[in-house]
N, C-alpha and C. Protein backbone atom coordinates (compact mmCIF):
# COMPACT_ATOMS: atom_id res chain seq x y z
N MET A 1 10.55 -54.51 14.47
CA MET A 1 9.65 -53.70 15.09
C MET A 1 8.37 -53.41 14.62
N ALA A 2 7.72 -54.01 15.62
CA ALA A 2 6.08 -54.24 15.40
C ALA A 2 4.97 -52.33 15.38
N LEU A 3 4.42 -52.48 14.60
CA LEU A 3 3.42 -51.46 14.18
C LEU A 3 2.77 -50.98 15.58
N LYS A 4 2.39 -49.74 15.88
CA LYS A 4 1.74 -49.30 17.03
C LYS A 4 0.52 -48.77 16.62
N LYS A 5 -0.82 -49.60 17.28
CA LYS A 5 -2.24 -49.30 16.68
C LYS A 5 -2.84 -48.26 17.77
N PHE A 6 -3.27 -47.23 16.85
CA PHE A 6 -3.93 -46.16 17.53
C PHE A 6 -5.34 -46.28 17.62
N SER A 7 -5.79 -46.04 19.01
CA SER A 7 -7.40 -46.25 18.92
C SER A 7 -8.24 -44.97 18.29
N THR A 8 -9.18 -45.36 17.73
CA THR A 8 -10.34 -44.66 17.09
C THR A 8 -10.92 -44.07 18.35
N LYS A 9 -11.15 -44.54 19.41
CA LYS A 9 -11.47 -43.59 20.51
C LYS A 9 -11.39 -42.59 20.76
N ARG A 10 -12.26 -41.56 21.03
CA ARG A 10 -11.75 -40.57 21.64
C ARG A 10 -11.09 -40.78 23.40
N SER A 11 -10.27 -40.05 23.68
CA SER A 11 -9.79 -40.29 25.01
C SER A 11 -10.80 -39.12 25.86
N ARG A 12 -10.98 -39.44 26.98
CA ARG A 12 -11.41 -38.42 28.00
C ARG A 12 -11.23 -37.16 28.27
N ARG A 13 -9.68 -37.13 27.77
CA ARG A 13 -8.78 -35.68 27.41
C ARG A 13 -9.52 -34.87 26.37
N ASP A 14 -9.94 -35.69 25.35
CA ASP A 14 -10.16 -35.10 24.05
C ASP A 14 -11.88 -34.27 24.37
N ALA A 15 -12.92 -35.42 25.19
CA ALA A 15 -13.97 -35.21 25.05
C ALA A 15 -14.81 -34.04 25.91
N THR A 16 -13.48 -33.66 27.29
CA THR A 16 -13.60 -32.66 27.69
C THR A 16 -13.41 -31.32 26.90
N GLY A 17 -12.94 -31.15 26.09
CA GLY A 17 -12.50 -30.12 24.88
C GLY A 17 -10.62 -29.83 25.57
N GLU A 18 -9.92 -30.33 26.35
CA GLU A 18 -9.05 -29.92 26.97
C GLU A 18 -7.80 -30.69 25.79
N GLY A 19 -7.14 -29.41 25.63
CA GLY A 19 -5.65 -29.95 24.60
C GLY A 19 -6.26 -29.95 23.20
N SER A 20 -7.60 -29.31 23.13
CA SER A 20 -7.97 -28.84 21.30
C SER A 20 -7.94 -27.79 20.99
N SER A 21 -8.29 -27.24 20.10
CA SER A 21 -7.81 -25.55 19.74
C SER A 21 -9.47 -25.42 20.13
N VAL A 22 -9.56 -24.17 20.72
CA VAL A 22 -10.21 -23.36 21.01
C VAL A 22 -11.12 -22.39 19.59
N ALA A 23 -12.54 -22.65 19.33
CA ALA A 23 -13.07 -21.92 18.37
C ALA A 23 -12.80 -20.25 18.74
N PRO A 24 -12.75 -19.59 17.80
CA PRO A 24 -12.62 -17.65 18.22
C PRO A 24 -13.73 -17.75 18.97
N GLU A 25 -13.62 -16.40 20.05
CA GLU A 25 -15.06 -16.11 20.49
C GLU A 25 -15.65 -14.98 19.69
N PHE A 26 -15.41 -14.81 18.52
CA PHE A 26 -16.17 -13.54 17.78
C PHE A 26 -16.42 -14.55 16.46
N ASP A 27 -17.61 -13.44 15.94
CA ASP A 27 -18.00 -14.12 14.46
C ASP A 27 -16.51 -13.73 13.58
N SER A 28 -16.17 -14.59 13.34
CA SER A 28 -14.77 -14.55 12.40
C SER A 28 -15.24 -14.30 10.53
N HIS A 29 -16.44 -14.91 10.53
CA HIS A 29 -16.94 -14.17 9.14
C HIS A 29 -17.56 -12.75 9.11
N ARG A 30 -17.81 -12.14 10.02
CA ARG A 30 -18.23 -11.22 10.13
C ARG A 30 -17.33 -9.81 10.75
N PHE A 31 -16.22 -10.18 11.54
CA PHE A 31 -15.20 -9.02 12.34
C PHE A 31 -13.74 -9.89 12.02
N GLN A 32 -12.78 -8.68 11.95
CA GLN A 32 -11.50 -9.04 11.95
C GLN A 32 -11.33 -9.87 13.24
N SER A 33 -11.78 -9.17 14.45
CA SER A 33 -11.40 -9.64 16.00
C SER A 33 -12.32 -9.42 17.02
N ALA A 34 -12.21 -10.23 18.15
CA ALA A 34 -13.14 -9.82 19.33
C ALA A 34 -13.34 -8.40 19.31
N GLU A 35 -12.36 -7.86 19.40
CA GLU A 35 -12.47 -6.22 19.97
C GLU A 35 -13.08 -5.38 18.32
N HIS A 36 -13.07 -5.93 17.44
CA HIS A 36 -13.50 -5.48 16.39
C HIS A 36 -15.20 -5.87 16.43
N GLN A 37 -15.68 -6.79 17.06
CA GLN A 37 -17.00 -7.60 17.24
C GLN A 37 -17.39 -6.29 18.41
N GLN A 38 -16.77 -6.35 19.47
CA GLN A 38 -17.06 -5.51 20.42
C GLN A 38 -16.99 -3.89 20.34
N HIS A 39 -16.71 -3.49 19.48
CA HIS A 39 -16.75 -1.89 18.52
C HIS A 39 -18.16 -1.89 18.12
N PHE A 40 -18.55 -3.18 17.11
CA PHE A 40 -19.81 -3.34 16.74
C PHE A 40 -20.93 -3.19 17.29
N GLU A 41 -20.91 -3.93 18.61
CA GLU A 41 -21.94 -3.89 19.49
C GLU A 41 -22.23 -2.17 20.38
N ALA A 42 -20.63 -1.42 20.40
CA ALA A 42 -21.20 -0.33 20.42
C ALA A 42 -21.57 0.54 19.74
N ILE A 43 -21.58 0.49 18.58
CA ILE A 43 -22.11 1.84 17.58
C ILE A 43 -23.29 1.10 16.92
N LYS A 44 -23.65 -0.14 17.20
CA LYS A 44 -24.93 -0.69 16.72
C LYS A 44 -26.23 0.24 17.05
N GLY A 45 -26.07 1.24 17.84
CA GLY A 45 -27.56 1.90 18.27
C GLY A 45 -27.29 2.87 17.37
N TRP A 46 -26.26 3.26 16.56
CA TRP A 46 -26.47 4.59 15.63
C TRP A 46 -27.32 4.50 14.79
N SER A 47 -27.90 5.53 14.23
CA SER A 47 -29.17 5.47 13.64
C SER A 47 -28.44 6.30 12.08
N PHE A 48 -29.48 5.77 10.83
CA PHE A 48 -28.95 6.56 9.62
C PHE A 48 -30.03 7.38 9.05
N HIS A 49 -29.56 8.59 8.20
CA HIS A 49 -29.98 9.36 8.26
C HIS A 49 -30.95 9.39 6.63
N LYS A 50 -31.97 9.40 6.73
CA LYS A 50 -32.23 8.89 5.18
C LYS A 50 -31.98 10.14 4.21
N GLU A 51 -31.64 9.32 3.03
CA GLU A 51 -31.02 10.42 2.06
C GLU A 51 -32.42 11.12 1.65
N ARG A 52 -32.25 12.68 1.57
CA ARG A 52 -33.10 13.48 0.70
C ARG A 52 -32.67 13.49 -0.75
N ARG A 53 -33.66 13.19 -1.43
CA ARG A 53 -33.41 13.45 -2.70
C ARG A 53 -34.01 14.69 -3.48
N ASP A 54 -32.77 15.34 -4.04
CA ASP A 54 -32.86 16.88 -4.67
C ASP A 54 -32.65 16.63 -5.78
N GLN A 55 -33.48 17.01 -6.48
CA GLN A 55 -33.18 17.05 -8.16
C GLN A 55 -32.75 18.41 -8.40
N LEU A 56 -32.11 18.66 -8.82
CA LEU A 56 -31.56 20.11 -9.65
C LEU A 56 -32.00 20.20 -11.26
N ARG A 57 -32.34 21.44 -11.35
CA ARG A 57 -33.20 21.35 -12.78
C ARG A 57 -31.66 21.75 -13.44
N GLU A 58 -31.96 21.49 -14.82
CA GLU A 58 -30.99 21.78 -15.45
C GLU A 58 -29.88 23.11 -15.55
N ASP A 59 -31.07 24.51 -15.44
CA ASP A 59 -30.59 25.54 -15.76
C ASP A 59 -30.72 26.16 -13.95
N GLU A 60 -30.27 25.40 -12.99
CA GLU A 60 -30.25 25.70 -11.56
C GLU A 60 -28.86 25.19 -11.20
N TYR A 61 -28.23 26.66 -10.19
CA TYR A 61 -26.73 26.23 -9.80
C TYR A 61 -25.77 25.78 -10.74
N MET A 62 -25.49 26.24 -11.51
CA MET A 62 -24.93 25.62 -12.66
C MET A 62 -23.19 25.51 -12.22
N ASP A 63 -22.82 26.46 -11.32
CA ASP A 63 -21.58 26.42 -11.11
C ASP A 63 -21.48 25.16 -9.99
N PHE A 64 -22.17 24.89 -9.51
CA PHE A 64 -22.29 23.78 -8.33
C PHE A 64 -22.66 22.63 -8.90
N GLN A 65 -23.06 22.36 -10.21
CA GLN A 65 -23.44 21.02 -10.98
C GLN A 65 -22.00 21.08 -11.90
N GLU A 66 -21.70 22.24 -12.26
CA GLU A 66 -20.04 21.82 -12.80
C GLU A 66 -18.91 21.33 -12.07
N GLU A 67 -18.99 21.97 -11.23
CA GLU A 67 -17.79 21.39 -10.08
C GLU A 67 -18.10 20.33 -9.76
N ILE A 68 -18.99 19.60 -9.79
CA ILE A 68 -19.84 18.01 -9.23
C ILE A 68 -19.42 17.19 -10.48
N ALA A 69 -19.14 18.02 -11.70
CA ALA A 69 -19.08 16.86 -12.84
C ALA A 69 -17.38 16.89 -13.26
N ARG A 70 -16.92 18.27 -12.84
CA ARG A 70 -15.12 18.68 -12.97
C ARG A 70 -14.33 17.36 -11.92
N ARG A 71 -15.02 17.59 -10.67
CA ARG A 71 -14.35 16.40 -9.93
C ARG A 71 -14.59 14.86 -9.93
N HIS A 72 -15.41 14.78 -10.59
CA HIS A 72 -16.04 13.45 -10.87
C HIS A 72 -16.67 12.82 -9.55
N TRP A 73 -17.59 13.38 -9.23
CA TRP A 73 -18.44 13.31 -8.07
C TRP A 73 -19.72 12.84 -7.99
N THR A 74 -20.28 12.82 -9.01
CA THR A 74 -21.58 12.22 -9.96
C THR A 74 -21.91 11.01 -9.01
N PRO A 75 -21.23 10.00 -8.73
CA PRO A 75 -21.32 8.74 -7.56
C PRO A 75 -21.49 9.27 -6.35
N LEU A 76 -21.48 10.01 -5.65
CA LEU A 76 -21.33 10.62 -4.42
C LEU A 76 -22.76 11.53 -4.24
N VAL A 77 -23.38 12.19 -5.09
CA VAL A 77 -24.60 12.83 -5.29
C VAL A 77 -25.23 11.80 -6.02
N THR A 78 -25.18 11.07 -6.49
CA THR A 78 -26.33 9.88 -6.85
C THR A 78 -27.34 9.05 -5.91
N HIS A 79 -28.13 9.37 -5.68
CA HIS A 79 -29.30 8.47 -4.64
C HIS A 79 -28.78 7.31 -4.37
N MET A 80 -28.66 6.84 -3.55
CA MET A 80 -28.62 4.95 -3.21
C MET A 80 -30.29 4.35 -2.95
N ALA A 81 -30.45 3.75 -3.95
CA ALA A 81 -32.03 3.48 -3.32
C ALA A 81 -32.23 2.50 -2.03
N LYS A 82 -31.26 1.49 -1.97
CA LYS A 82 -31.49 1.05 -0.61
C LYS A 82 -30.21 0.61 -0.24
N PHE A 83 -29.98 0.24 1.19
CA PHE A 83 -28.62 -0.19 2.00
C PHE A 83 -29.45 -1.25 3.29
N ASP A 84 -27.91 -1.92 3.09
CA ASP A 84 -28.41 -2.91 4.79
C ASP A 84 -27.40 -1.74 5.79
N PRO A 85 -28.53 -1.15 6.70
CA PRO A 85 -27.80 -0.29 8.02
C PRO A 85 -26.47 -1.68 8.39
N GLU A 86 -26.91 -2.59 8.79
CA GLU A 86 -26.14 -3.93 9.77
C GLU A 86 -24.51 -4.00 8.76
N ILE A 87 -24.68 -4.25 7.26
CA ILE A 87 -23.48 -4.19 6.87
C ILE A 87 -22.52 -3.10 6.96
N VAL A 88 -23.45 -1.92 6.71
CA VAL A 88 -22.74 -0.83 6.79
C VAL A 88 -21.92 -0.34 8.34
N LEU A 89 -22.70 -0.56 9.03
CA LEU A 89 -21.74 -0.84 10.73
C LEU A 89 -20.55 -1.93 10.97
N GLU A 90 -20.70 -2.96 10.03
CA GLU A 90 -20.02 -3.98 10.11
C GLU A 90 -18.45 -3.26 9.68
N PHE A 91 -19.13 -2.50 8.37
CA PHE A 91 -17.96 -1.99 7.77
C PHE A 91 -17.29 -0.87 8.64
N TYR A 92 -17.92 -0.25 9.42
CA TYR A 92 -17.45 1.04 10.07
C TYR A 92 -16.64 0.34 11.61
N ALA A 93 -17.24 -0.71 12.18
CA ALA A 93 -16.89 -1.58 13.04
C ALA A 93 -15.29 -2.31 12.97
N ASN A 94 -14.92 -2.73 11.75
CA ASN A 94 -13.67 -3.54 11.43
C ASN A 94 -13.02 -2.36 10.73
N ALA A 95 -13.37 -1.21 10.39
CA ALA A 95 -12.21 -0.06 9.96
C ALA A 95 -11.92 0.30 11.07
N TRP A 96 -12.24 0.53 12.11
CA TRP A 96 -11.87 1.07 13.33
C TRP A 96 -10.19 0.30 13.69
N PRO A 97 -9.66 1.56 14.13
CA PRO A 97 -7.86 1.05 14.15
C PRO A 97 -7.86 0.38 15.40
N THR A 98 -7.20 -0.69 15.90
CA THR A 98 -7.27 -1.55 17.20
C THR A 98 -5.80 -0.90 17.71
N GLU A 99 -5.00 -0.66 17.46
CA GLU A 99 -3.54 -0.10 17.76
C GLU A 99 -2.95 1.18 17.47
N GLU A 100 -2.72 1.68 18.48
CA GLU A 100 -2.28 3.44 18.21
C GLU A 100 -1.12 3.30 17.06
N GLY A 101 -1.58 4.09 15.95
CA GLY A 101 -0.83 4.41 14.72
C GLY A 101 -0.79 3.40 13.51
N VAL A 102 -1.81 2.42 13.31
CA VAL A 102 -1.83 1.25 12.90
C VAL A 102 -3.06 1.69 11.99
N ARG A 103 -2.96 2.23 10.71
CA ARG A 103 -3.85 2.40 9.82
C ARG A 103 -4.38 1.24 8.81
N ASP A 104 -5.09 0.43 8.70
CA ASP A 104 -5.13 -0.34 7.52
C ASP A 104 -6.38 0.10 6.77
N MET A 105 -6.03 0.64 5.91
CA MET A 105 -7.04 1.08 4.89
C MET A 105 -8.31 0.42 4.15
N ARG A 106 -8.85 -0.50 4.76
CA ARG A 106 -9.41 -1.52 4.11
C ARG A 106 -10.32 -2.32 5.52
N SER A 107 -11.62 -2.78 5.30
CA SER A 107 -12.59 -3.16 6.18
C SER A 107 -13.06 -4.50 5.93
N TRP A 108 -13.20 -5.56 6.62
CA TRP A 108 -13.64 -7.00 6.50
C TRP A 108 -15.12 -6.85 6.68
N VAL A 109 -15.72 -7.23 5.68
CA VAL A 109 -17.30 -7.26 5.33
C VAL A 109 -17.91 -8.35 4.68
N ARG A 110 -18.39 -8.95 5.74
CA ARG A 110 -19.14 -10.49 4.94
C ARG A 110 -17.78 -11.57 4.47
N GLY A 111 -16.88 -11.34 4.96
CA GLY A 111 -15.66 -12.43 4.44
C GLY A 111 -14.96 -11.79 3.56
N GLN A 112 -15.09 -10.77 3.07
CA GLN A 112 -14.80 -9.88 1.98
C GLN A 112 -13.75 -8.81 2.35
N TRP A 113 -12.88 -8.65 1.97
CA TRP A 113 -11.80 -7.02 2.00
C TRP A 113 -12.23 -5.96 1.22
N ILE A 114 -12.36 -4.81 1.83
CA ILE A 114 -12.76 -3.64 1.48
C ILE A 114 -12.14 -2.74 1.65
N PRO A 115 -11.35 -2.43 0.58
CA PRO A 115 -10.39 -1.28 0.53
C PRO A 115 -11.20 0.12 0.68
N PHE A 116 -10.51 1.00 1.53
CA PHE A 116 -11.23 2.36 1.29
C PHE A 116 -9.93 3.40 0.92
N ASP A 117 -8.64 2.76 0.66
CA ASP A 117 -7.76 3.87 0.30
C ASP A 117 -7.89 5.03 -0.50
N THR A 118 -6.86 5.47 -1.10
CA THR A 118 -6.95 6.67 -1.81
C THR A 118 -7.27 6.11 -3.38
N TYR A 119 -6.76 4.79 -3.57
CA TYR A 119 -7.06 4.69 -5.00
C TYR A 119 -8.16 3.75 -5.20
N ALA A 120 -8.57 3.11 -4.27
CA ALA A 120 -10.07 2.56 -4.08
C ALA A 120 -11.00 3.74 -4.27
N LEU A 121 -10.88 4.94 -3.73
CA LEU A 121 -11.71 6.07 -3.44
C LEU A 121 -11.84 6.69 -5.03
N SER A 122 -10.73 6.42 -5.54
CA SER A 122 -10.19 7.42 -6.70
C SER A 122 -11.36 6.25 -7.98
N GLN A 123 -10.97 5.04 -7.87
CA GLN A 123 -11.59 4.42 -8.85
C GLN A 123 -13.08 4.37 -8.57
N PHE A 124 -13.46 4.50 -7.36
CA PHE A 124 -14.96 4.08 -7.28
C PHE A 124 -15.60 5.74 -8.16
N LEU A 125 -14.99 6.75 -7.98
CA LEU A 125 -15.09 8.00 -8.74
C LEU A 125 -15.11 7.74 -9.98
N GLY A 126 -14.65 7.05 -10.45
CA GLY A 126 -14.33 7.03 -12.01
C GLY A 126 -12.98 7.69 -12.50
N ASP A 127 -12.30 8.01 -11.29
CA ASP A 127 -11.41 8.67 -12.03
C ASP A 127 -10.07 8.70 -11.07
N PRO A 128 -9.08 7.23 -11.77
CA PRO A 128 -8.35 7.00 -10.66
C PRO A 128 -7.17 7.99 -10.64
N LEU A 129 -6.56 8.13 -9.40
CA LEU A 129 -5.44 9.09 -8.96
C LEU A 129 -4.16 8.71 -9.07
N VAL A 130 -3.54 8.74 -9.75
CA VAL A 130 -2.28 8.58 -10.31
C VAL A 130 -1.38 9.74 -9.28
N LEU A 131 -0.66 8.68 -8.44
CA LEU A 131 0.49 9.82 -7.46
C LEU A 131 1.75 9.28 -7.75
N GLU A 132 2.89 10.19 -7.99
CA GLU A 132 4.03 9.63 -7.95
C GLU A 132 4.70 9.37 -6.54
N GLU A 133 6.06 8.69 -6.74
CA GLU A 133 6.35 8.01 -5.73
C GLU A 133 6.59 9.39 -4.72
N GLY A 134 6.40 9.16 -3.43
CA GLY A 134 6.29 10.51 -2.51
C GLY A 134 5.70 11.48 -2.65
N GLN A 135 5.08 11.56 -3.74
CA GLN A 135 3.75 12.36 -4.10
C GLN A 135 2.26 12.05 -2.76
N GLN A 136 2.10 13.22 -2.40
CA GLN A 136 0.49 12.74 -1.78
C GLN A 136 -0.93 13.39 -2.13
N CYS A 137 -1.74 12.82 -1.91
CA CYS A 137 -3.05 13.33 -2.35
C CYS A 137 -3.24 14.46 -1.74
N GLU A 138 -4.33 15.76 -2.22
CA GLU A 138 -4.69 17.11 -1.48
C GLU A 138 -5.05 16.49 0.03
N PHE A 139 -5.71 15.44 0.55
CA PHE A 139 -6.15 15.63 1.84
C PHE A 139 -4.94 15.36 2.41
N SER A 140 -4.26 14.83 2.10
CA SER A 140 -2.53 14.08 3.08
C SER A 140 -1.80 15.91 3.06
N GLN A 141 -1.86 16.48 2.05
CA GLN A 141 -1.22 17.54 2.17
C GLN A 141 -1.59 18.46 3.25
N ARG A 142 -3.25 18.48 3.08
CA ARG A 142 -3.84 19.58 4.12
C ARG A 142 -3.81 19.02 5.39
N ARG A 143 -3.92 17.49 5.85
CA ARG A 143 -3.63 17.43 6.95
C ARG A 143 -2.15 17.49 7.49
N ASN A 144 -1.40 17.74 6.62
CA ASN A 144 0.00 17.74 7.41
C ASN A 144 0.22 19.29 7.19
N TRP A 145 -0.21 20.21 6.80
CA TRP A 145 -0.27 21.60 6.95
C TRP A 145 -1.16 22.32 7.90
N ALA A 146 -2.26 21.42 7.99
CA ALA A 146 -3.17 22.15 9.52
C ALA A 146 -2.91 21.95 10.34
N ASP A 147 -2.76 23.22 11.12
CA ASP A 147 -2.44 23.17 12.27
C ASP A 147 -3.60 23.05 13.60
N GLY A 148 -3.55 21.79 14.50
CA GLY A 148 -4.15 21.08 14.99
C GLY A 148 -5.40 19.93 14.32
N PHE A 149 -5.14 19.49 13.25
CA PHE A 149 -5.81 18.63 12.38
C PHE A 149 -5.79 17.33 13.68
N ASP A 150 -7.15 17.16 13.85
CA ASP A 150 -7.53 16.13 15.33
C ASP A 150 -8.40 14.95 14.25
N GLU A 151 -7.30 14.47 14.16
CA GLU A 151 -7.99 12.75 13.30
C GLU A 151 -9.09 12.04 13.96
N GLU A 152 -8.57 11.65 15.31
CA GLU A 152 -9.21 11.18 16.54
C GLU A 152 -11.20 11.98 16.40
N ALA A 153 -10.81 13.33 16.60
CA ALA A 153 -12.43 14.12 16.61
C ALA A 153 -12.99 13.67 15.11
N ILE A 154 -12.27 13.56 14.17
CA ILE A 154 -12.96 13.71 12.73
C ILE A 154 -13.59 12.03 12.46
N ALA A 155 -12.65 11.31 13.26
CA ALA A 155 -13.06 9.76 13.14
C ALA A 155 -14.40 9.77 13.81
């Protein structure tokens, strides 16, 4: 049986793009899907308010300062020198749920997954939250107890 020779020339069908895989219609390095990219376009007009730097004296509002220290919230009240608003918007666009009832507590930013679940936020604050199986964090408990808690309005 003789071997069949394959032509190295592209067929007319290949030249028109028919039959070949189509590149995604969105920037897959920046967005999870075309829907997320559309959401980015919808929110890219959002503006950011510059953080106001307030420095408390050591003897000022002691109860407030103690509560910040007790909760390990120092990273939350520390002034961020600079940030890239476009990357922040990408985070929000990719964190937006595309299916009803499906929550993926991470976002796609510049080719990397950024988690924002309970554990990731607890790690950021320097106090990892350890929950036993079936135990809920305080926010989840309040969400379940609250009458009329509107997640969409909060989002």
